[in-house]
Amino acid sequence: MWIVLQHRDGQFHRGSWEAIAAGQKLARELGSAAEAILLGENLGALVSEAAGSALAALRVAESHALAVYTPGAYVSALASAIASAAPRVVLFPHTYQSTEYVPRLAQATGAALVTEAIAFSVEGPEIEWRRPVLGGKLHARVRARGQAPVLATLQSGAFSAEEREAGRAPVESFAVPGSTAPDREILGTEQAGGEMVDLSQAEVVVAVGRGVGGSDKFGPIEELARLLHAEIGASRPVIDSGWLPRDRQIGSSGQTVAPRLYLALGISGAIQHLVGMKGSSCVVAVNKDPSAPIFKIAHYGIVGDLHEVVPALVQALRGEAS
């Protein structure tokens, strides 16, 4: 089975490490070998980093056509490799990038496609996948038909990168077809929202809900985020009210995050929001309503007014607790 790694600007996407951990686990349960696939150009440092995992092999394709991600070049390179090696399963992080090209790859290879998988189980020769449906309100259990390869994208945070087994993987090269070429001209890349970062990469997220009360109340929250080296996210009501830009939304219609620490301020915990942050390692919730659904999944809960709790947290972090 294969794990396709995602990277940009010399750094792996965090989902790549989660995919390796998932792939290692699935390979053990299937009694098979897990191999990682790395595409790009001038990959020396990334090869060394990825090879530090317990894998049967790290397969590397270096080509100028793969220097910058384009869906056409990735589909061409991977379709040829899949046809040649016939892996049973190919795993990908579920990202904007994989959402764009993996369905095309499935079509090109005749493979089954499972998107945004959050779990799997092995029963004999069969793999049963679990994925969210209806905005995360339900989970569907699916199996692929036939003997074709299965391409599966893995939801961010569904598998822990900390469970990745370290080791030393042998590095192998594979050739890219001569027909491989970018199908678009990349003029440049620009992060949505200017200087804002991808929330899915944040280690700490301070998320605000309707309880914040308005955009004029963000001062202490921004200070708390600065002290925690965190990014600010929000539930949909905050976005719909225009208090934060759309790219800060977390939930079924926004981003999916899985930080080490998720601080939920004034968020009630509607299912549409929970599906976007349930992979967080530690959830701390602050809400005036003791029956708020967010407390059911929180590791720590504070029943209180966020406008009183946040300044107290800021003081404590500054070493000024009274």
Protein backbone atom coordinates (compact mmCIF):
# COMPACT_ATOMS: atom_id res chain seq x y z
CA MET A 1 0.00 0.00 0.00
CA TRP A 2 1.13 3.54 -0.73
CA ILE A 3 0.99 6.87 1.09
CA VAL A 4 1.30 9.95 -1.14
CA LEU A 5 2.96 12.82 0.73
CA GLN A 6 2.04 16.47 0.26
CA HIS A 7 4.50 19.34 0.60
CA ARG A 8 5.04 22.94 -0.39
CA ASP A 9 7.91 25.40 -0.02
CA GLY A 10 10.18 22.72 1.41
CA GLN A 11 7.82 21.63 4.18
CA PHE A 12 5.50 18.67 4.53
CA HIS A 13 1.83 19.26 5.16
CA ARG A 14 0.97 17.95 8.62
CA GLY A 15 -1.53 15.61 7.01
CA SER A 16 1.38 13.74 5.44
CA TRP A 17 2.57 12.57 8.85
CA GLU A 18 -0.98 11.62 9.81
CA ALA A 19 -1.29 9.64 6.57
CA ILE A 20 1.97 7.80 7.31
CA ALA A 21 0.69 6.86 10.78
CA ALA A 22 -2.59 5.63 9.27
CA GLY A 23 -0.78 3.77 6.51
CA GLN A 24 1.53 2.02 8.96
CA LYS A 25 -1.47 0.93 11.02
CA LEU A 26 -3.42 -0.30 8.00
CA ALA A 27 -0.39 -2.19 6.66
CA ARG A 28 0.00 -4.00 9.99
CA GLU A 29 -3.65 -5.02 10.02
CA LEU A 30 -3.47 -6.22 6.41
CA GLY A 31 -0.13 -7.95 6.89
CA SER A 32 1.32 -5.94 4.03
CA ALA A 33 4.02 -3.32 3.49
CA ALA A 34 3.56 0.46 3.53
CA GLU A 35 5.48 2.65 1.12
CA ALA A 36 5.52 6.44 0.79
CA ILE A 37 5.44 8.33 -2.51
CA LEU A 38 7.12 11.71 -2.93
CA LEU A 39 6.81 13.87 -6.07
CA GLY A 40 8.67 17.06 -6.88
CA GLU A 41 12.05 18.52 -7.76
CA ASN A 42 15.18 19.08 -5.66
CA LEU A 43 13.74 17.01 -2.84
CA GLY A 44 16.95 16.25 -0.92
CA ALA A 45 15.90 17.61 2.48
CA LEU A 46 12.36 16.28 2.18
CA VAL A 47 13.65 12.83 1.21
CA SER A 48 15.84 12.70 4.32
CA GLU A 49 12.94 13.77 6.52
CA ALA A 50 10.41 11.34 5.06
CA ALA A 51 12.89 8.45 5.12
CA GLY A 52 12.93 8.68 8.91
CA SER A 53 9.74 6.61 9.07
CA ALA A 54 9.27 2.86 9.41
CA LEU A 55 8.34 2.13 5.80
CA ALA A 56 9.20 -0.61 3.35
CA ALA A 57 10.34 2.07 0.91
CA LEU A 58 10.22 5.73 0.05
CA ARG A 59 9.58 6.00 -3.68
CA VAL A 60 10.71 9.32 -5.15
CA ALA A 61 9.94 10.86 -8.53
CA GLU A 62 11.92 14.01 -9.33
CA SER A 63 11.12 15.97 -12.44
CA HIS A 64 10.97 19.60 -13.48
CA ALA A 65 7.37 18.91 -14.50
CA LEU A 66 6.63 18.22 -10.82
CA ALA A 67 8.54 21.21 -9.43
CA VAL A 68 5.24 22.97 -8.68
CA TYR A 69 2.03 21.07 -8.06
CA THR A 70 -0.41 20.94 -10.96
CA PRO A 71 -3.19 18.36 -11.12
CA GLY A 72 -2.37 17.18 -14.65
CA ALA A 73 1.28 16.43 -13.87
CA TYR A 74 0.45 14.67 -10.59
CA VAL A 75 -2.27 12.55 -12.22
CA SER A 76 0.03 11.56 -15.07
CA ALA A 77 2.94 10.61 -12.80
CA LEU A 78 0.84 8.71 -10.27
CA ALA A 79 -1.42 6.96 -12.81
CA SER A 80 1.61 5.49 -14.54
CA ALA A 81 3.15 4.38 -11.24
CA ILE A 82 -0.11 2.83 -10.00
CA ALA A 83 -0.57 0.94 -13.27
CA SER A 84 2.97 -0.43 -12.96
CA ALA A 85 3.08 -1.35 -9.25
CA ALA A 86 -0.65 -2.06 -8.66
CA PRO A 87 -0.85 -1.07 -4.98
CA ARG A 88 -4.01 -2.24 -3.24
CA VAL A 89 -4.56 1.02 -1.35
CA VAL A 90 -3.25 4.54 -1.90
CA LEU A 91 -3.69 7.05 0.95
CA PHE A 92 -3.64 10.85 0.70
CA PRO A 93 -4.12 13.69 3.21
CA HIS A 94 -7.57 15.23 2.63
CA THR A 95 -6.64 18.77 1.55
CA TYR A 96 -7.71 21.31 -1.05
CA GLN A 97 -4.95 19.90 -3.25
CA SER A 98 -5.94 16.24 -3.02
CA THR A 99 -9.61 17.16 -3.40
CA GLU A 100 -8.69 18.65 -6.76
CA TYR A 101 -6.62 15.89 -8.34
CA VAL A 102 -7.39 12.57 -6.60
CA PRO A 103 -10.86 12.17 -8.23
CA ARG A 104 -9.18 12.66 -11.62
CA LEU A 105 -6.58 10.09 -10.64
CA ALA A 106 -9.30 7.60 -9.67
CA GLN A 107 -10.93 8.10 -13.04
CA ALA A 108 -7.62 7.67 -14.87
CA THR A 109 -6.78 4.44 -13.07
CA GLY A 110 -10.26 2.95 -12.73
CA ALA A 111 -9.79 2.98 -8.96
CA ALA A 112 -12.42 3.15 -6.23
CA LEU A 113 -12.47 6.46 -4.35
CA VAL A 114 -13.17 7.03 -0.65
CA THR A 115 -12.99 10.67 0.42
CA GLU A 116 -12.43 12.18 3.87
CA ALA A 117 -12.10 8.84 5.66
CA ILE A 118 -12.01 9.13 9.43
CA ALA A 119 -11.45 5.47 10.34
CA PHE A 120 -11.05 2.00 8.89
CA SER A 121 -11.36 -1.59 10.05
CA VAL A 122 -10.07 -4.80 8.51
CA GLU A 123 -12.25 -7.90 8.43
CA GLY A 124 -10.39 -10.70 6.71
CA PRO A 125 -9.46 -9.45 3.24
CA GLU A 126 -11.99 -6.60 3.38
CA ILE A 127 -11.36 -3.00 4.41
CA GLU A 128 -14.32 -1.08 5.76
CA TRP A 129 -13.96 2.69 5.72
CA ARG A 130 -15.89 5.21 7.78
CA ARG A 131 -16.56 8.72 6.47
CA PRO A 132 -18.88 11.61 7.45
CA VAL A 133 -22.07 12.33 5.53
CA LEU A 134 -24.82 14.95 5.84
CA GLY A 135 -22.43 17.58 7.14
CA GLY A 136 -20.96 15.22 9.70
CA LYS A 137 -24.31 14.40 11.32
CA LEU A 138 -23.91 10.74 10.36
CA HIS A 139 -21.05 8.39 9.53
CA ALA A 140 -21.27 6.03 6.57
CA ARG A 141 -19.49 2.69 6.46
CA VAL A 142 -18.33 1.84 2.95
CA ARG A 143 -16.45 -0.91 1.15
CA ALA A 144 -14.91 -0.80 -2.30
CA ARG A 145 -16.24 -3.20 -4.92
CA GLY A 146 -14.06 -5.32 -7.17
CA GLN A 147 -10.31 -5.73 -7.27
CA ALA A 148 -9.35 -2.24 -8.41
CA PRO A 149 -7.03 -0.11 -6.24
CA VAL A 150 -8.67 2.03 -3.57
CA LEU A 151 -7.72 5.70 -3.33
CA ALA A 152 -8.61 7.16 0.09
CA THR A 153 -8.18 10.68 1.41
CA LEU A 154 -7.89 10.99 5.20
CA GLN A 155 -9.61 13.74 7.16
CA SER A 156 -7.29 16.07 9.02
CA GLY A 157 -6.95 15.02 12.65
CA ALA A 158 -8.65 11.65 12.20
CA PHE A 159 -5.31 9.92 12.72
CA SER A 160 -2.60 11.09 15.08
CA ALA A 161 0.77 12.00 13.60
CA GLU A 162 2.29 11.18 16.99
CA GLU A 163 1.55 7.51 16.36
CA ARG A 164 3.89 7.46 13.36
CA GLU A 165 6.63 4.88 13.80
CA ALA A 166 10.14 6.18 13.25
CA GLY A 167 12.64 4.11 11.36
CA ARG A 168 14.77 4.19 8.24
CA ALA A 169 13.11 3.67 4.89
CA PRO A 170 15.18 2.71 1.83
CA VAL A 171 14.87 5.30 -0.93
CA GLU A 172 13.98 4.22 -4.44
CA SER A 173 13.50 6.30 -7.57
CA PHE A 174 10.79 5.81 -10.15
CA ALA A 175 10.56 7.29 -13.60
CA VAL A 176 8.03 9.89 -14.67
CA PRO A 177 6.37 9.33 -18.08
CA GLY A 178 7.65 11.50 -20.86
CA SER A 179 4.13 12.78 -21.39
CA THR A 180 4.01 14.22 -17.87
CA ALA A 181 3.62 17.98 -18.08
CA PRO A 182 1.89 20.74 -16.12
CA ASP A 183 -1.62 21.36 -17.40
CA ARG A 184 -1.63 24.97 -16.26
CA GLU A 185 0.82 27.82 -15.85
CA ILE A 186 1.34 28.74 -12.21
CA LEU A 187 1.71 32.50 -11.95
CA GLY A 188 2.18 32.43 -8.18
CA THR A 189 0.52 31.41 -4.96
CA GLU A 190 -1.24 33.66 -2.51
CA GLN A 191 -2.56 32.79 0.94
CA ALA A 192 -6.24 33.60 1.27
CA GLY A 193 -6.74 36.51 3.61
CA GLY A 194 -3.33 38.03 3.03
CA GLU A 195 -0.95 37.13 5.83
CA MET A 196 -3.26 34.63 7.52
CA VAL A 197 -2.05 31.06 7.76
CA ASP A 198 -3.82 27.84 6.91
CA LEU A 199 -5.77 27.00 10.08
CA SER A 200 -5.31 23.28 9.44
CA GLN A 201 -1.61 23.75 10.14
CA ALA A 202 -2.03 25.60 13.44
CA GLU A 203 -0.84 23.90 16.63
CA VAL A 204 -3.06 26.12 18.80
CA VAL A 205 -6.42 27.60 17.80
CA VAL A 206 -8.47 30.15 19.72
CA ALA A 207 -11.98 29.88 18.28
CA VAL A 208 -14.81 32.31 18.97
CA GLY A 209 -18.55 31.96 18.63
CA ARG A 210 -21.60 34.16 18.73
CA GLY A 211 -21.02 34.67 22.47
CA VAL A 212 -18.16 37.06 21.74
CA GLY A 213 -20.82 39.70 21.08
CA GLY A 214 -19.24 41.70 18.26
CA SER A 215 -16.08 42.60 16.38
CA ASP A 216 -15.37 45.37 18.91
CA LYS A 217 -14.84 42.74 21.63
CA PHE A 218 -11.85 41.01 20.00
CA GLY A 219 -9.04 42.93 21.71
CA PRO A 220 -8.47 40.55 24.68
CA ILE A 221 -9.01 37.52 22.45
CA GLU A 222 -6.34 38.69 20.00
CA GLU A 223 -3.98 39.25 22.93
CA LEU A 224 -4.70 35.76 24.25
CA ALA A 225 -4.00 34.29 20.81
CA ARG A 226 -0.71 36.20 20.63
CA LEU A 227 0.41 34.91 24.02
CA LEU A 228 -0.51 31.34 23.08
CA HIS A 229 1.11 31.67 19.62
CA ALA A 230 -2.30 30.69 18.29
CA GLU A 231 -4.43 31.35 15.26
CA ILE A 232 -7.97 32.70 15.60
CA GLY A 233 -10.85 30.71 14.15
CA ALA A 234 -14.60 31.04 14.41
CA SER A 235 -17.96 29.34 14.15
CA ARG A 236 -20.27 30.23 11.28
CA PRO A 237 -22.41 32.86 13.10
CA VAL A 238 -19.27 34.96 13.63
CA ILE A 239 -18.44 34.77 9.92
CA ASP A 240 -22.03 35.47 8.83
CA SER A 241 -22.04 38.53 11.09
CA GLY A 242 -18.94 39.84 9.34
CA TRP A 243 -16.82 39.86 12.51
CA LEU A 244 -14.08 37.74 10.90
CA PRO A 245 -13.26 36.89 7.26
CA ARG A 246 -14.65 33.73 5.69
CA ASP A 247 -11.31 31.90 5.67
CA ARG A 248 -11.40 31.80 9.48
CA GLN A 249 -14.51 29.60 9.59
CA ILE A 250 -14.17 26.15 11.17
CA GLY A 251 -16.77 23.49 10.55
CA SER A 252 -18.54 21.46 7.88
CA SER A 253 -18.68 24.46 5.53
CA GLY A 254 -15.28 25.81 6.59
CA GLN A 255 -11.90 24.44 7.52
CA THR A 256 -11.13 21.25 9.41
CA VAL A 257 -8.50 21.66 12.12
CA ALA A 258 -6.72 19.31 14.52
CA PRO A 259 -4.49 21.42 16.79
CA ARG A 260 -2.83 20.31 20.00
CA LEU A 261 -4.96 22.87 21.85
CA TYR A 262 -8.39 24.17 20.82
CA LEU A 263 -9.79 26.94 23.00
CA ALA A 264 -13.51 27.42 22.26
CA LEU A 265 -14.85 30.77 23.48
CA GLY A 266 -18.58 31.39 23.42
CA ILE A 267 -19.19 28.49 21.03
CA SER A 268 -22.31 26.44 21.74
CA GLY A 269 -21.11 23.37 19.86
CA ALA A 270 -23.49 22.81 16.93
CA ILE A 271 -22.70 19.61 15.03
CA GLN A 272 -21.68 21.63 11.95
CA HIS A 273 -18.89 23.21 13.99
CA LEU A 274 -17.87 20.08 15.88
CA VAL A 275 -17.09 18.14 12.71
CA GLY A 276 -14.42 20.73 11.91
CA MET A 277 -12.51 20.50 15.20
CA LYS A 278 -13.25 17.13 16.80
CA GLY A 279 -9.74 15.90 15.97
CA SER A 280 -8.20 18.42 18.39
CA SER A 281 -5.92 16.80 20.98
CA CYS A 282 -7.17 18.98 23.84
CA VAL A 283 -10.36 21.06 23.85
CA VAL A 284 -10.95 23.77 26.45
CA ALA A 285 -14.42 25.33 26.33
CA VAL A 286 -15.67 28.56 27.90
CA ASN A 287 -19.43 29.15 27.82
CA LYS A 288 -22.03 30.72 30.11
CA ASP A 289 -24.48 27.91 29.40
CA PRO A 290 -23.59 24.79 31.44
CA SER A 291 -25.70 22.65 29.09
CA ALA A 292 -23.92 23.81 25.91
CA PRO A 293 -23.13 20.80 23.66
CA ILE A 294 -19.48 21.88 23.43
CA PHE A 295 -18.96 20.65 27.00
CA LYS A 296 -19.76 17.08 25.92
CA ILE A 297 -16.57 16.87 23.88
CA ALA A 298 -14.39 19.30 25.87
CA HIS A 299 -11.54 17.91 27.95
CA TYR A 300 -11.81 20.96 30.22
CA GLY A 301 -14.83 23.22 30.64
CA ILE A 302 -15.25 26.63 32.23
CA VAL A 303 -18.81 27.81 32.87
CA GLY A 304 -18.53 31.57 32.79
CA ASP A 305 -18.50 34.78 30.77
CA LEU A 306 -15.69 34.69 28.24
CA HIS A 307 -15.22 38.44 28.71
CA GLU A 308 -14.24 37.71 32.31
CA VAL A 309 -12.36 34.47 31.69
CA VAL A 310 -10.21 35.68 28.77
CA PRO A 311 -8.72 38.71 30.60
CA ALA A 312 -7.93 36.41 33.55
CA LEU A 313 -6.15 33.99 31.21
CA VAL A 314 -4.23 36.87 29.64
CA GLN A 315 -3.11 38.06 33.07
CA ALA A 316 -2.05 34.56 34.06
CA LEU A 317 -0.04 34.11 30.87
CA ARG A 318 1.63 37.46 31.47
CA GLY A 319 2.54 36.35 34.97
CA GLU A 320 0.22 39.02 36.38
CA ALA A 321 -2.45 36.81 37.90
CA SER A 322 -4.08 38.48 40.83
